[in-house]
Protein backbone atom coordinates (compact mmCIF):
# COMPACT_ATOMS: atom_id res chain seq x y z
CA MET A 1 9.65 -5.45 27.04
CA ALA A 2 11.63 -7.92 25.58
CA SER A 3 14.91 -6.87 23.87
CA ARG A 4 14.68 -6.75 20.03
CA PRO A 5 17.74 -6.15 17.51
CA ASP A 6 18.51 -3.20 15.62
CA THR A 7 17.46 -3.46 11.85
CA ASP A 8 18.81 -2.66 8.34
CA ASP A 9 15.39 -4.29 6.81
CA TYR A 10 14.37 -1.29 5.43
CA LEU A 11 11.65 -3.01 3.17
CA SER A 12 9.86 -4.85 6.09
CA LEU A 13 9.79 -1.50 7.72
CA PHE A 14 7.84 0.28 4.93
CA LEU A 15 5.80 -2.63 3.84
CA ASN A 16 4.26 -3.40 7.41
CA ASP A 17 3.78 0.24 8.41
CA VAL A 18 6.11 -0.13 11.21
CA PRO A 19 6.10 3.15 13.47
CA MET A 20 9.41 5.19 13.72
CA MET A 21 10.44 7.39 16.03
CA ASP A 22 12.52 10.41 14.52
CA VAL A 23 15.03 11.92 16.85
CA ARG A 24 16.46 14.31 14.61
CA ALA A 25 15.69 18.38 15.47
CA PRO A 26 12.53 19.63 14.39
CA ILE A 27 13.73 21.72 11.20
CA GLU A 28 15.22 18.52 10.03
CA PHE A 29 12.11 16.55 10.37
CA SER A 30 9.88 19.21 8.72
CA LYS A 31 12.11 19.16 5.78
CA GLY A 32 11.35 15.69 5.28
CA SER A 33 10.73 12.25 6.93
CA PHE A 34 8.49 9.15 6.34
CA PRO A 35 4.89 8.54 6.48
CA LEU A 36 4.77 6.81 9.90
CA ALA A 37 7.50 8.82 11.95
CA GLU A 38 6.76 10.76 14.47
CA ASN A 39 9.35 13.59 15.56
CA ALA A 40 10.37 13.22 19.40
CA PRO A 41 13.82 15.03 19.12
CA LEU A 42 16.83 14.59 21.28
CA MET A 43 17.63 18.18 20.61
CA ASN A 44 15.51 21.19 19.55
CA ASP A 45 16.73 23.33 16.61
CA GLU A 46 18.85 25.68 18.73
CA GLU A 47 20.55 23.03 20.71
CA ARG A 48 21.07 21.19 17.47
CA HIS A 49 22.76 24.62 15.93
CA ARG A 50 25.05 25.51 18.67
CA VAL A 51 26.29 21.80 19.06
CA GLY A 52 26.90 21.72 15.32
CA ILE A 53 28.96 24.86 15.31
CA CYS A 54 31.04 23.58 18.80
CA TYR A 55 31.76 20.17 16.42
CA LYS A 56 33.02 22.37 13.78
CA GLU A 57 35.34 24.47 15.84
CA LYS A 58 36.28 22.12 18.75
CA GLY A 59 35.60 18.50 17.61
CA GLN A 60 33.30 15.76 18.34
CA ASP A 61 34.18 15.33 22.00
CA ARG A 62 33.55 18.77 22.82
CA ALA A 63 30.21 18.84 20.76
CA ILE A 64 29.16 15.79 22.72
CA GLU A 65 30.05 17.29 26.09
CA LEU A 66 28.27 20.29 25.13
CA GLY A 67 25.07 18.34 24.08
CA HIS A 68 25.02 16.73 27.47
CA GLN A 69 24.89 20.14 29.30
CA LEU A 70 22.23 21.66 26.96
CA VAL A 71 19.99 18.48 27.49
CA SER A 72 20.29 17.76 31.11
CA GLY A 73 18.25 17.77 34.30
CA ASP A 74 14.58 18.58 34.13
CA LEU A 75 14.86 19.19 30.31
CA LYS A 76 16.35 15.55 29.65
CA ALA A 77 13.66 14.10 32.02
CA GLN A 78 11.11 15.73 29.79
CA ARG A 79 12.93 14.15 26.43
CA ILE A 80 12.82 10.56 28.09
CA GLU A 81 9.33 10.91 29.10
CA ALA A 82 8.39 11.83 25.55
CA TRP A 83 10.13 8.91 24.06
CA LYS A 84 8.65 6.36 26.81
CA ARG A 85 5.20 7.52 25.30
CA PHE A 86 5.99 7.01 22.08
CA ILE A 87 7.41 3.50 23.12
CA ALA A 88 4.12 2.91 25.13
CA ARG A 89 1.95 3.27 22.11
CA HIS A 90 4.35 1.68 19.60
CA PRO A 91 6.27 -1.36 21.35
CA ASP A 92 7.25 -2.66 17.85
CA GLY A 93 8.79 0.34 16.67
CA TYR A 94 12.24 1.71 15.92
CA LEU A 95 13.76 4.98 16.42
CA PHE A 96 16.33 6.78 14.21
CA CYS A 97 18.37 9.78 13.53
CA PHE A 98 19.90 11.05 10.54
CA ARG A 99 23.12 8.68 10.22
CA GLY A 100 22.22 6.09 12.89
CA GLY A 101 24.90 7.65 14.86
CA LEU A 102 25.49 9.34 17.89
CA ARG A 103 22.10 11.07 18.45
CA SER A 104 20.03 7.71 17.98
CA ARG A 105 22.56 5.92 20.16
CA LEU A 106 22.62 8.12 22.68
CA THR A 107 18.86 8.40 22.91
CA GLN A 108 18.59 4.21 23.03
CA GLN A 109 21.08 4.71 25.60
CA TRP A 110 19.12 7.10 27.85
CA ILE A 111 16.11 4.94 27.07
CA ARG A 112 18.14 1.82 28.33
CA ASP A 113 18.94 3.86 31.43
CA ALA A 114 15.20 4.29 32.05
CA GLY A 115 14.66 0.53 32.22
CA ILE A 116 13.58 0.18 28.40
CA ASP A 117 15.38 -1.76 25.46
CA TYR A 118 14.24 0.08 22.08
CA PRO A 119 15.93 -0.51 18.62
CA LEU A 120 17.01 1.68 16.29
CA ILE A 121 17.46 1.61 12.46
CA THR A 122 20.94 1.17 11.63
CA GLY A 123 22.14 4.12 8.87
CA GLY A 124 19.25 6.34 10.11
CA TYR A 125 17.31 8.75 7.99
CA LYS A 126 20.03 8.96 5.43
CA ALA A 127 19.92 4.84 4.69
CA LEU A 128 15.85 4.76 4.32
CA ARG A 129 15.95 7.74 2.03
CA ARG A 130 18.43 6.14 -0.21
CA PHE A 131 16.60 2.88 -0.08
CA LEU A 132 13.38 4.54 -1.36
CA ILE A 133 14.92 6.63 -3.87
CA ASP A 134 16.66 3.60 -5.49
CA ASN A 135 13.52 1.29 -5.18
CA LEU A 136 11.41 4.02 -6.69
CA GLU A 137 13.33 4.19 -9.73
CA SER A 138 13.70 0.71 -10.40
CA GLN A 139 9.90 -0.06 -9.58
CA VAL A 140 9.02 2.62 -12.33
CA ALA A 141 11.29 0.94 -14.76
CA SER A 142 9.83 -2.64 -14.24
CA SER A 143 6.02 -1.65 -13.65
CA ASP A 144 3.08 -1.52 -15.98
CA PHE A 145 0.97 1.24 -15.54
CA ARG A 146 -2.88 1.81 -16.48
CA ILE A 147 -4.25 5.54 -16.49
CA LEU A 148 -7.47 6.65 -15.51
CA SER A 149 -8.53 9.98 -17.24
CA GLY A 150 -11.68 11.80 -17.53
CA ARG A 151 -13.23 15.25 -17.61
CA THR A 152 -13.24 17.38 -14.47
CA GLY A 153 -16.03 16.20 -11.78
CA THR A 154 -16.41 12.45 -13.19
CA GLY A 155 -15.14 11.40 -9.94
CA LYS A 156 -11.99 9.77 -11.11
CA THR A 157 -10.56 9.64 -7.40
CA ARG A 158 -13.51 7.72 -6.11
CA VAL A 159 -13.38 5.25 -9.26
CA LEU A 160 -9.70 4.78 -8.81
CA GLN A 161 -9.94 3.29 -5.37
CA ARG A 162 -12.17 0.72 -7.15
CA LEU A 163 -9.50 -0.67 -9.56
CA PRO A 164 -6.96 -3.06 -8.92
CA ASN A 165 -3.66 -1.96 -7.41
CA PRO A 166 -4.52 1.85 -7.15
CA VAL A 167 -1.75 4.47 -6.17
CA ASP A 168 -3.48 7.76 -5.55
CA LEU A 169 -1.21 10.78 -6.71
CA GLU A 170 -3.80 13.29 -5.36
CA GLY A 171 -3.87 11.61 -2.15
CA LEU A 172 -0.09 11.46 -1.72
CA ALA A 173 0.00 15.12 -2.41
CA ASN A 174 -2.86 16.37 -0.51
CA HIS A 175 -4.05 18.16 -3.53
CA ARG A 176 -6.59 17.57 -6.24
CA GLY A 177 -4.51 18.81 -9.21
CA SER A 178 -6.18 21.81 -10.26
CA SER A 179 -6.85 25.65 -9.35
CA PHE A 180 -9.35 24.52 -7.06
CA GLY A 181 -7.29 21.65 -5.66
CA ARG A 182 -6.18 23.05 -2.44
CA GLN A 183 -7.09 21.26 0.80
CA VAL A 184 -7.55 22.59 4.48
CA THR A 185 -4.44 20.96 5.43
CA PRO A 186 -1.11 21.84 3.91
CA GLN A 187 0.81 19.84 1.37
CA PRO A 188 3.63 17.75 2.13
CA SER A 189 7.07 18.88 1.19
CA GLN A 190 8.66 17.48 -2.06
CA ILE A 191 10.77 14.95 0.09
CA ASP A 192 7.64 13.74 1.96
CA PHE A 193 5.84 13.54 -1.24
CA ASP A 194 8.92 11.48 -2.86
CA ASN A 195 8.91 9.30 0.09
CA ARG A 196 5.17 8.67 0.24
CA LEU A 197 5.14 7.84 -3.37
CA ALA A 198 7.89 5.30 -3.16
CA VAL A 199 6.29 3.64 -0.03
CA ALA A 200 3.18 3.54 -2.17
CA MET A 201 4.86 1.86 -4.97
CA LEU A 202 7.07 -0.56 -2.55
CA LYS A 203 3.30 -1.99 -1.61
CA ALA A 204 1.73 -1.72 -5.18
CA THR A 205 4.78 -4.05 -6.41
CA HIS A 206 5.41 -6.22 -3.21
CA LYS A 207 2.17 -6.64 -1.76
CA VAL A 208 -0.42 -6.89 -4.87
CA GLY A 209 1.58 -6.87 -8.16
CA GLY A 210 0.29 -6.71 -11.53
CA PRO A 211 -0.60 -3.26 -13.33
CA VAL A 212 -0.39 -0.18 -11.12
CA SER A 213 -3.79 2.15 -11.76
CA LEU A 214 -2.78 5.90 -11.51
CA GLU A 215 -5.12 8.77 -12.33
CA ASP A 216 -3.89 10.92 -14.96
CA GLU A 217 -1.75 13.84 -13.60
CA SER A 218 0.39 16.69 -15.19
CA ARG A 219 3.90 17.08 -13.87
CA LEU A 220 2.74 19.09 -10.78
CA VAL A 221 0.01 18.01 -8.54
CA GLY A 222 -0.33 21.27 -6.58
CA ARG A 223 3.39 22.11 -5.59
CA CYS A 224 4.54 18.24 -5.83
CA ALA A 225 6.38 17.35 -8.76
CA LEU A 226 6.25 13.79 -10.06
CA PRO A 227 9.29 12.06 -10.80
CA GLY A 228 10.49 12.45 -14.52
CA THR A 229 10.67 8.93 -15.18
CA LEU A 230 7.30 8.37 -13.90
CA ARG A 231 5.89 11.12 -16.22
CA GLU A 232 7.59 9.29 -19.30
CA LYS A 233 5.91 5.95 -18.39
CA MET A 234 2.52 7.59 -17.87
CA ALA A 235 2.66 9.45 -20.86
CA LYS A 236 2.82 6.10 -22.89
CA ALA A 237 0.49 3.83 -20.71
CA PRO A 238 -2.93 2.49 -21.91
CA MET A 239 -5.68 4.93 -20.72
CA MET A 240 -9.17 4.19 -19.42
CA VAL A 241 -11.18 7.23 -20.04
CA LEU A 242 -14.12 7.94 -17.33
CA GLU A 243 -17.45 9.40 -18.62
CA GLN A 244 -20.59 10.76 -16.62
CA PRO A 245 -23.37 13.10 -17.21
CA MET A 246 -23.08 16.73 -16.56
CA ALA A 247 -25.64 16.54 -13.85
CA GLU A 248 -23.70 14.21 -12.10
CA ARG A 249 -20.52 15.88 -12.48
CA VAL A 250 -21.83 19.11 -11.26
CA ALA A 251 -22.92 17.04 -7.98
CA ILE A 252 -19.85 15.59 -7.52
CA ILE A 253 -17.87 18.85 -7.72
CA ARG A 254 -20.46 20.64 -5.45
CA GLU A 255 -20.07 17.79 -2.97
CA ASP A 256 -16.27 17.68 -2.88
CA TYR A 257 -15.42 21.39 -3.36
CA VAL A 258 -18.33 23.02 -1.75
CA GLU A 259 -20.05 20.82 0.76
CA ASN A 260 -16.95 18.93 1.97
CA MET A 261 -14.62 21.74 2.02
CA LEU A 262 -16.89 24.05 3.91
CA ALA A 263 -17.30 21.48 6.46
CA ASP A 264 -13.47 21.06 6.66
CA TYR A 265 -12.67 24.62 6.86
CA CYS A 266 -15.50 24.71 9.81
CA ALA A 267 -13.97 21.83 11.87
CA ARG A 268 -10.57 23.53 11.54
CA ASP A 269 -11.22 27.08 12.11
CA GLY A 270 -14.86 27.24 13.75
CA HIS A 271 -18.10 28.47 11.97
CA ASP A 272 -17.59 32.04 11.61
CA ALA A 273 -13.68 32.07 10.56
CA GLY A 274 -14.26 28.64 8.46
CA TRP A 275 -17.07 30.40 6.41
CA GLN A 276 -14.87 33.29 5.61
CA ASN A 277 -11.79 31.03 4.92
CA PHE A 278 -14.12 28.78 2.81
CA SER A 279 -15.40 31.81 0.69
CA ASP A 280 -11.77 33.12 0.27
CA TYR A 281 -10.57 29.67 -0.96
CA LEU A 282 -13.22 29.57 -3.72
CA LEU A 283 -12.91 33.17 -4.78
CA SER A 284 -9.12 33.05 -5.12
CA ALA A 285 -9.26 29.77 -6.98
CA LEU A 286 -11.40 31.43 -9.88
CA ASP A 287 -9.23 34.66 -9.85
CA ARG A 288 -6.10 32.32 -10.45
CA ILE A 289 -7.52 31.31 -13.73
CA ARG A 290 -8.67 35.05 -14.47
CA LYS A 291 -6.11 35.28 -17.44
CA ARG A 292 -7.25 32.18 -19.25
CA LEU A 293 -10.94 32.75 -18.46
CA GLY A 294 -10.84 36.36 -20.00
CA GLY A 295 -11.72 39.29 -17.97
CA ASP A 296 -15.19 39.29 -19.34
CA ARG A 297 -16.06 35.74 -18.51
CA HIS A 298 -14.18 35.91 -15.32
CA ARG A 299 -16.26 38.72 -14.09
CA GLU A 300 -19.62 36.74 -15.04
CA PHE A 301 -18.44 33.60 -13.32
CA ARG A 302 -17.39 35.45 -10.07
CA GLU A 303 -20.81 37.16 -9.77
CA MET A 304 -22.36 33.66 -10.19
CA MET A 305 -20.04 32.40 -7.33
CA VAL A 306 -20.73 35.58 -5.16
CA GLN A 307 -24.72 34.94 -5.53
CA ALA A 308 -24.22 31.19 -4.55
CA LEU A 309 -22.18 31.95 -1.49
CA GLU A 310 -24.47 34.52 -0.25
CA LEU A 311 -27.58 32.00 -0.95
CA GLN A 312 -25.60 29.50 1.21
CA GLN A 313 -24.79 31.81 3.98
CA ASP A 314 -28.37 32.66 4.30
CA ASN A 315 -30.17 29.49 4.40
CA GLY A 316 -27.66 26.69 3.85
CA GLU A 317 -28.75 26.09 0.16
CA THR A 318 -25.66 24.67 -1.89
CA ARG A 319 -27.26 24.23 -5.30
CA GLY A 320 -26.87 27.85 -6.20
CA HIS A 321 -23.45 26.65 -7.05
CA ASP A 322 -24.37 24.53 -9.90
CA ALA A 323 -24.58 27.45 -12.08
CA TRP A 324 -20.83 28.46 -11.90
CA ILE A 325 -19.83 25.03 -11.90
CA GLN A 326 -21.35 24.12 -15.14
CA ALA A 327 -20.33 26.94 -16.56
CA LEU A 328 -16.60 26.72 -15.90
CA LEU A 329 -16.87 23.08 -16.57
CA GLU A 330 -18.49 23.79 -20.20
CA HIS A 331 -16.54 26.82 -21.07
CA TYR A 332 -13.07 26.25 -19.46
CA TYR A 333 -12.16 22.70 -18.32
CA ASP A 334 -13.84 20.25 -20.97
CA PRO A 335 -12.46 22.27 -23.72
CA MET A 336 -8.92 21.81 -22.35
CA TYR A 337 -9.43 18.33 -21.55
CA ASP A 338 -10.78 17.37 -25.00
CA TYR A 339 -7.92 19.38 -26.71
CA GLN A 340 -5.34 17.33 -24.63
CA LEU A 341 -7.46 13.98 -24.73
CA ASN A 342 -7.31 14.49 -28.61
CA GLN A 343 -3.53 14.19 -28.66
CA LYS A 344 -3.62 10.63 -26.63
CA LYS A 345 -6.71 8.82 -28.41
CA GLY A 346 -4.38 6.10 -29.63
CA ARG A 347 -3.60 4.89 -26.11
CA ILE A 348 -7.34 4.36 -25.19
CA VAL A 349 -8.20 0.81 -24.09
CA VAL A 350 -11.51 1.42 -22.57
CA GLN A 351 -13.96 4.28 -22.50
CA GLY A 352 -17.60 4.63 -20.45
CA SER A 353 -19.16 4.73 -17.13
CA PRO A 354 -17.52 3.94 -13.54
CA ALA A 355 -19.10 0.29 -13.93
CA THR A 356 -17.60 0.12 -17.34
CA ILE A 357 -14.09 1.16 -16.10
CA VAL A 358 -14.16 -1.12 -12.96
CA ASP A 359 -15.64 -4.00 -14.65
CA TRP A 360 -12.89 -3.96 -17.49
CA ALA A 361 -10.13 -3.32 -15.25
CA ASN A 362 -11.01 -6.26 -13.00
CA GLN A 363 -11.27 -8.75 -15.81
């Protein structure tokens, strides 16, 4: 492999989806990293903890000495093999630690001793994170936004992907933004969400340009919070309001929240456990809005949902869910949305079907 220099070209790394090997400990990685980063740690959590204590009590030299003692022999060979596997899959990537200091340079040296030159990112995680935070603020301030709104079930995310320069906030947060919005896989940490959003905005402003299309969201998408400056810009931006007939909305919700969710749970957990976890997901989502529905209406909708689940379990029929879906739209989601939209009427620039919205946005 030809030698490549270390880099501090953070913009190029993110715009070009360059793979990154994060050699920080797993606990550091779990708190936040970058979209294409993979964790291949120099030290595990316990080793890092012990070295950290040694550093505070006895200084850097003794800490380095302890690190070499903890990661040696077969364990050192295993770590090097993991790095070599990453490098074989990503010969154009880079490695980094927290500040681009001891850990990344030691990793780089051990890899070099194994016969491979592999570059690192100067400044490490801290510099990359600072770059994204600073650029997100400037991009939000300088960008124009168009907001796609619409009642629940109109298929906003589907239409968003057909608009120029879309940034899918729900996709970045791995959540559909409602009581039923949880996905089978967990949401990212807030730091991971911030980093994903910053990278998406970098690409929107540097690769595409022009107004950025966003779906109308509240402050929280699941547990992921939007930056305050972005929310302020979104609250003033022109709105595109998507409309769909009730039958189409019911079909979209049935596909997304019933058929696809069951398939995802079964793929993860197997048939029996997947079915049980899917059922729990639907019922618990309804239970979370019990107070807003009121006791009587909640009981009514829950009975409808239970009957639909029983029918689906017996013969695979999913249209039994249409009754509670339509009832929930008519009596809960639509009145809430209509009230909110009434506060934003002056911002509406186009309103209509998916084709109407897409045609207007692409003119």
